[in-house]
Each structure stands twice: as C-alpha cells, then as structure tokens.
Amino acid sequence: MAFYLVSAVPKHGRLEELGERLARAEFILLRPFGATLSASLKEARIRKDGVAVWEEEDYCAPPLAQERAAVLDDYFHDLRVEKVKQGEGWSKIEALPRLFPDA
C-alpha cells in the first residue's frame, strides 16, 4: 500500500455536486476504494490558489487509476500525486481550510 498527497484543480461548478454525493455516502460501496476515497475527500483542503489537496491511500499502478475512472476525473482536472508516508500529507495541509466545511 502507498500513500499520496493529491492535488487537483476542481472543475468549474462541480464541487457542490461532489459535496452532496459525499454527504449521501454515494461512493462508500465502490470496491475496493470507496470508503477510503470518501473519507479522504471529506477531509480534503483547499489552497489559496484554488487547488484541492488531500492524502489518499492507494494500491494501483498508476496511482489512483480506479478512483480517477470512477469519480475523480468527473470533478477534478490536472490531478497530481506525491508519494508520502502515512499521515505526512495530512500534516502538510492541516492548517488549510476544508474543501467541504459541512462534511
């Protein structure tokens, strides 16, 4: 298993829908990644430049391939990953405001 600090540019007008779907737990049953992806996106942060960031656990090569196909590419573009140790990504971004404050 690997951990990544993910950064991605939200697609215009799509974050509200993503937040609503997360609140309804729509992605939880996606196997094998739904629960982890949902938890990570609920805790995602937003940088001053408008880029969303979060830490994600993943087993795929290339990283996040299944997550991108099922969810992420619908809501984000210019997705980038940086390999980190577990918790290191969250430590780097914890002071940033939450992407979904009500999640």
C-alpha atoms as a PDB file:
ATOM      1  CA  MET A   1       0.000   0.000   0.000  1.00  0.00           C
ATOM      2  CA  ALA A   2       1.151   3.526  -0.714  1.00  0.00           C
ATOM      3  CA  PHE A   3       0.067   6.970   0.417  1.00  0.00           C
ATOM      4  CA  TYR A   4      -0.047  10.057  -1.764  1.00  0.00           C
ATOM      5  CA  LEU A   5      -0.567  13.747  -1.267  1.00  0.00           C
ATOM      6  CA  VAL A   6      -3.002  14.506  -4.059  1.00  0.00           C
ATOM      7  CA  SER A   7      -3.506  17.921  -5.620  1.00  0.00           C
ATOM      8  CA  ALA A   8      -6.200  18.578  -8.203  1.00  0.00           C
ATOM      9  CA  VAL A   9      -7.949  21.520  -9.779  1.00  0.00           C
ATOM     10  CA  PRO A  10     -11.712  21.391  -9.191  1.00  0.00           C
ATOM     11  CA  LYS A  11     -13.797  21.545 -12.352  1.00  0.00           C
ATOM     12  CA  HIS A  12     -15.894  24.698 -12.533  1.00  0.00           C
ATOM     13  CA  GLY A  13     -19.320  24.256 -10.958  1.00  0.00           C
ATOM     14  CA  ARG A  14     -18.767  20.623  -9.896  1.00  0.00           C
ATOM     15  CA  LEU A  15     -17.773  20.831  -6.219  1.00  0.00           C
ATOM     16  CA  GLU A  16     -21.279  21.368  -4.893  1.00  0.00           C
ATOM     17  CA  GLU A  17     -22.457  18.126  -6.508  1.00  0.00           C
ATOM     18  CA  LEU A  18     -19.409  16.253  -5.205  1.00  0.00           C
ATOM     19  CA  GLY A  19     -20.055  17.545  -1.679  1.00  0.00           C
ATOM     20  CA  GLU A  20     -23.694  16.460  -1.865  1.00  0.00           C
ATOM     21  CA  ARG A  21     -22.735  12.983  -3.095  1.00  0.00           C
ATOM     22  CA  LEU A  22     -20.168  12.641  -0.316  1.00  0.00           C
ATOM     23  CA  ALA A  23     -22.775  13.680   2.242  1.00  0.00           C
ATOM     24  CA  ARG A  24     -25.073  10.951   0.906  1.00  0.00           C
ATOM     25  CA  ALA A  25     -22.190   8.426   1.092  1.00  0.00           C
ATOM     26  CA  GLU A  26     -22.703   7.526  -2.578  1.00  0.00           C
ATOM     27  CA  PHE A  27     -19.147   6.317  -3.102  1.00  0.00           C
ATOM     28  CA  ILE A  28     -18.823   4.134   0.009  1.00  0.00           C
ATOM     29  CA  LEU A  29     -19.759   0.895  -1.759  1.00  0.00           C
ATOM     30  CA  LEU A  30     -17.301   1.309  -4.639  1.00  0.00           C
ATOM     31  CA  ARG A  31     -14.841  -1.556  -4.270  1.00  0.00           C
ATOM     32  CA  PRO A  32     -12.091  -1.655  -3.289  1.00  0.00           C
ATOM     33  CA  PHE A  33     -11.591   2.088  -2.699  1.00  0.00           C
ATOM     34  CA  GLY A  34     -14.945   3.694  -1.889  1.00  0.00           C
ATOM     35  CA  ALA A  35     -14.673   4.056   1.864  1.00  0.00           C
ATOM     36  CA  THR A  36     -11.107   5.361   1.754  1.00  0.00           C
ATOM     37  CA  LEU A  37     -11.786   7.790  -1.086  1.00  0.00           C
ATOM     38  CA  SER A  38     -14.916   9.108   0.627  1.00  0.00           C
ATOM     39  CA  ALA A  39     -13.115   9.677   3.920  1.00  0.00           C
ATOM     40  CA  SER A  40     -10.194  11.398   2.209  1.00  0.00           C
ATOM     41  CA  LEU A  41     -12.366  13.716   0.123  1.00  0.00           C
ATOM     42  CA  LYS A  42     -14.452  14.698   3.147  1.00  0.00           C
ATOM     43  CA  GLU A  43     -11.219  15.838   4.827  1.00  0.00           C
ATOM     44  CA  ALA A  44      -9.780  17.498   1.698  1.00  0.00           C
ATOM     45  CA  ARG A  45      -8.393  21.026   1.960  1.00  0.00           C
ATOM     46  CA  ILE A  46      -8.266  23.960  -0.426  1.00  0.00           C
ATOM     47  CA  ARG A  47      -5.170  26.039  -1.136  1.00  0.00           C
ATOM     48  CA  LYS A  48      -5.238  29.791  -1.759  1.00  0.00           C
ATOM     49  CA  ASP A  49      -4.719  29.122  -5.472  1.00  0.00           C
ATOM     50  CA  GLY A  50      -7.961  27.099  -5.594  1.00  0.00           C
ATOM     51  CA  VAL A  51      -6.300  23.690  -5.820  1.00  0.00           C
ATOM     52  CA  ALA A  52      -7.818  20.916  -3.703  1.00  0.00           C
ATOM     53  CA  VAL A  53      -5.407  18.743  -1.698  1.00  0.00           C
ATOM     54  CA  TRP A  54      -5.790  15.570   0.325  1.00  0.00           C
ATOM     55  CA  GLU A  55      -3.943  12.437   1.357  1.00  0.00           C
ATOM     56  CA  GLU A  56      -5.047   9.210  -0.297  1.00  0.00           C
ATOM     57  CA  GLU A  57      -4.233   5.554   0.336  1.00  0.00           C
ATOM     58  CA  ASP A  58      -3.873   3.608  -2.900  1.00  0.00           C
ATOM     59  CA  TYR A  59      -2.808   0.255  -4.293  1.00  0.00           C
ATOM     60  CA  CYS A  60      -2.986   0.989  -8.047  1.00  0.00           C
ATOM     61  CA  ALA A  61      -0.350   1.456 -10.693  1.00  0.00           C
ATOM     62  CA  PRO A  62      -0.582   4.111 -11.933  1.00  0.00           C
ATOM     63  CA  PRO A  63      -1.726   5.774  -8.685  1.00  0.00           C
ATOM     64  CA  LEU A  64      -5.460   6.428  -8.315  1.00  0.00           C
ATOM     65  CA  ALA A  65      -6.339   4.791 -11.642  1.00  0.00           C
ATOM     66  CA  GLN A  66      -9.598   3.253 -10.380  1.00  0.00           C
ATOM     67  CA  GLU A  67     -10.543   6.316  -8.345  1.00  0.00           C
ATOM     68  CA  ARG A  68      -9.993   8.586 -11.322  1.00  0.00           C
ATOM     69  CA  ALA A  69     -12.077   6.455 -13.654  1.00  0.00           C
ATOM     70  CA  ALA A  70     -14.965   6.131 -11.214  1.00  0.00           C
ATOM     71  CA  VAL A  71     -15.059   9.543  -9.502  1.00  0.00           C
ATOM     72  CA  LEU A  72     -12.132  11.949  -9.576  1.00  0.00           C
ATOM     73  CA  ASP A  73     -11.992  12.755 -13.304  1.00  0.00           C
ATOM     74  CA  ASP A  74     -15.642  13.882 -13.149  1.00  0.00           C
ATOM     75  CA  TYR A  75     -14.832  16.567 -10.578  1.00  0.00           C
ATOM     76  CA  PHE A  76     -11.151  17.466 -10.999  1.00  0.00           C
ATOM     77  CA  HIS A  77      -8.529  18.006 -13.649  1.00  0.00           C
ATOM     78  CA  ASP A  78      -4.760  18.380 -13.538  1.00  0.00           C
ATOM     79  CA  LEU A  79      -4.530  15.710 -10.831  1.00  0.00           C
ATOM     80  CA  ARG A  80      -1.040  15.225  -9.398  1.00  0.00           C
ATOM     81  CA  VAL A  81       0.313  12.863  -6.750  1.00  0.00           C
ATOM     82  CA  GLU A  82       3.335  12.981  -4.463  1.00  0.00           C
ATOM     83  CA  LYS A  83       4.271   9.833  -2.563  1.00  0.00           C
ATOM     84  CA  VAL A  84       4.283  10.426   1.213  1.00  0.00           C
ATOM     85  CA  LYS A  85       4.387   8.404   4.410  1.00  0.00           C
ATOM     86  CA  GLN A  86       1.039   7.721   6.057  1.00  0.00           C
ATOM     87  CA  GLY A  87      -0.167  10.917   7.751  1.00  0.00           C
ATOM     88  CA  GLU A  88       2.583  13.091   6.259  1.00  0.00           C
ATOM     89  CA  GLY A  89       0.278  14.549   3.627  1.00  0.00           C
ATOM     90  CA  TRP A  90      -2.354  15.473   6.192  1.00  0.00           C
ATOM     91  CA  SER A  91       0.334  17.101   8.340  1.00  0.00           C
ATOM     92  CA  LYS A  92       1.390  19.293   5.426  1.00  0.00           C
ATOM     93  CA  ILE A  93      -2.123  20.566   4.760  1.00  0.00           C
ATOM     94  CA  GLU A  94      -3.879  20.542   8.147  1.00  0.00           C
ATOM     95  CA  ALA A  95      -3.780  24.350   8.508  1.00  0.00           C
ATOM     96  CA  LEU A  96      -5.613  24.890   5.213  1.00  0.00           C
ATOM     97  CA  PRO A  97      -9.385  25.439   5.133  1.00  0.00           C
ATOM     98  CA  ARG A  98     -11.558  22.414   4.425  1.00  0.00           C
ATOM     99  CA  LEU A  99     -12.841  21.917   0.895  1.00  0.00           C
ATOM    100  CA  PHE A 100     -16.182  20.714   2.293  1.00  0.00           C
ATOM    101  CA  PRO A 101     -16.660  22.522   5.622  1.00  0.00           C
ATOM    102  CA  ASP A 102     -20.002  20.843   6.293  1.00  0.00           C
ATOM    103  CA  ALA A 103     -18.861  17.293   5.504  1.00  0.00           C
END
